[in-house]
Amino acid sequence: MAQLLAPGVRLAGFYFIGTTPKGPPFGIERDELDVLLTSNFELIEDREVSDSIPVFAGRERWLTWRRR
């Protein structure tokens, strides 16, 4: 994503936090996501999602990252 986005551009979306033995949904541990993104992106928003469908409930976050 860093190669596709110019500095200052935002990357935003729903992230399914936590690994799953098989998917979908396919999740990622939060620390792994941070390792993947923090060298090129700054986290500017992290919100809990309260209206998820049952399969995502309690593990979905709305995250917004800004390209450095």
C-alpha atoms as a PDB file:
ATOM      1  CA  MET A   1       0.000   0.000   0.000  1.00  0.00           C
ATOM      2  CA  ALA A   2       2.836   2.384   0.773  1.00  0.00           C
ATOM      3  CA  GLN A   3       4.066   2.136  -2.822  1.00  0.00           C
ATOM      4  CA  LEU A   4       0.605   2.974  -4.159  1.00  0.00           C
ATOM      5  CA  LEU A   5      -0.243   5.908  -1.891  1.00  0.00           C
ATOM      6  CA  ALA A   6       1.341   9.354  -1.889  1.00  0.00           C
ATOM      7  CA  PRO A   7       2.438  10.933   1.405  1.00  0.00           C
ATOM      8  CA  GLY A   8      -0.523  12.367   3.311  1.00  0.00           C
ATOM      9  CA  VAL A   9      -3.088  10.043   1.749  1.00  0.00           C
ATOM     10  CA  ARG A  10      -5.279   8.080   4.166  1.00  0.00           C
ATOM     11  CA  LEU A  11      -5.813   4.354   4.309  1.00  0.00           C
ATOM     12  CA  ALA A  12      -9.040   3.599   6.178  1.00  0.00           C
ATOM     13  CA  GLY A  13     -11.194   0.582   6.729  1.00  0.00           C
ATOM     14  CA  PHE A  14     -12.538  -2.144   8.950  1.00  0.00           C
ATOM     15  CA  TYR A  15      -9.894  -4.497  10.347  1.00  0.00           C
ATOM     16  CA  PHE A  16     -10.693  -7.888  11.854  1.00  0.00           C
ATOM     17  CA  ILE A  17      -8.340  -8.178  14.838  1.00  0.00           C
ATOM     18  CA  GLY A  18      -7.211 -11.604  16.008  1.00  0.00           C
ATOM     19  CA  THR A  19      -6.070 -14.680  14.175  1.00  0.00           C
ATOM     20  CA  THR A  20      -8.455 -17.376  13.104  1.00  0.00           C
ATOM     21  CA  PRO A  21      -7.569 -21.032  12.420  1.00  0.00           C
ATOM     22  CA  LYS A  22      -9.313 -20.798   9.069  1.00  0.00           C
ATOM     23  CA  GLY A  23     -11.424 -18.212   7.336  1.00  0.00           C
ATOM     24  CA  PRO A  24     -13.139 -16.301   6.162  1.00  0.00           C
ATOM     25  CA  PRO A  25     -13.033 -14.052   7.998  1.00  0.00           C
ATOM     26  CA  PHE A  26      -9.266 -13.814   8.024  1.00  0.00           C
ATOM     27  CA  GLY A  27      -7.919 -11.800  10.937  1.00  0.00           C
ATOM     28  CA  ILE A  28      -4.599 -10.354  11.999  1.00  0.00           C
ATOM     29  CA  GLU A  29      -3.156  -9.740  15.442  1.00  0.00           C
ATOM     30  CA  ARG A  30      -2.943  -6.047  16.273  1.00  0.00           C
ATOM     31  CA  ASP A  31       0.813  -6.096  16.888  1.00  0.00           C
ATOM     32  CA  GLU A  32       1.377  -7.772  13.492  1.00  0.00           C
ATOM     33  CA  LEU A  33      -0.722  -5.113  11.778  1.00  0.00           C
ATOM     34  CA  ASP A  34       1.260  -2.377  13.517  1.00  0.00           C
ATOM     35  CA  VAL A  35       4.556  -3.940  12.359  1.00  0.00           C
ATOM     36  CA  LEU A  36       3.279  -4.038   8.774  1.00  0.00           C
ATOM     37  CA  LEU A  37       2.075  -0.450   8.674  1.00  0.00           C
ATOM     38  CA  THR A  38       3.906   1.789  11.153  1.00  0.00           C
ATOM     39  CA  SER A  39       7.077   2.189   9.119  1.00  0.00           C
ATOM     40  CA  ASN A  40       5.091   3.928   6.354  1.00  0.00           C
ATOM     41  CA  PHE A  41       1.848   4.996   8.041  1.00  0.00           C
ATOM     42  CA  GLU A  42       0.799   6.905  11.154  1.00  0.00           C
ATOM     43  CA  LEU A  43      -2.326   5.682  12.956  1.00  0.00           C
ATOM     44  CA  ILE A  44      -4.666   8.667  13.297  1.00  0.00           C
ATOM     45  CA  GLU A  45      -7.957   6.998  14.234  1.00  0.00           C
ATOM     46  CA  ASP A  46      -8.886   3.785  16.066  1.00  0.00           C
ATOM     47  CA  ARG A  47     -12.550   3.216  16.820  1.00  0.00           C
ATOM     48  CA  GLU A  48     -14.465   0.262  18.183  1.00  0.00           C
ATOM     49  CA  VAL A  49     -17.199  -0.979  15.863  1.00  0.00           C
ATOM     50  CA  SER A  50     -20.445  -1.458  17.760  1.00  0.00           C
ATOM     51  CA  ASP A  51     -22.782  -2.643  15.014  1.00  0.00           C
ATOM     52  CA  SER A  52     -20.817  -5.570  13.565  1.00  0.00           C
ATOM     53  CA  ILE A  53     -22.475  -8.695  12.301  1.00  0.00           C
ATOM     54  CA  PRO A  54     -22.130 -11.604  14.759  1.00  0.00           C
ATOM     55  CA  VAL A  55     -19.081 -13.214  13.102  1.00  0.00           C
ATOM     56  CA  PHE A  56     -17.106  -9.951  13.549  1.00  0.00           C
ATOM     57  CA  ALA A  57     -18.575  -8.825  16.890  1.00  0.00           C
ATOM     58  CA  GLY A  58     -16.026  -7.593  19.412  1.00  0.00           C
ATOM     59  CA  ARG A  59     -13.071  -8.030  17.066  1.00  0.00           C
ATOM     60  CA  GLU A  60     -13.663  -5.397  14.412  1.00  0.00           C
ATOM     61  CA  ARG A  61     -11.985  -1.971  14.498  1.00  0.00           C
ATOM     62  CA  TRP A  62     -12.268   1.047  12.224  1.00  0.00           C
ATOM     63  CA  LEU A  63      -8.703   2.246  11.671  1.00  0.00           C
ATOM     64  CA  THR A  64      -7.454   5.232   9.714  1.00  0.00           C
ATOM     65  CA  TRP A  65      -3.777   5.496   8.797  1.00  0.00           C
ATOM     66  CA  ARG A  66      -1.997   8.440   7.125  1.00  0.00           C
ATOM     67  CA  ARG A  67       0.842   7.755   4.702  1.00  0.00           C
ATOM     68  CA  ARG A  68       4.091   9.292   5.995  1.00  0.00           C
END
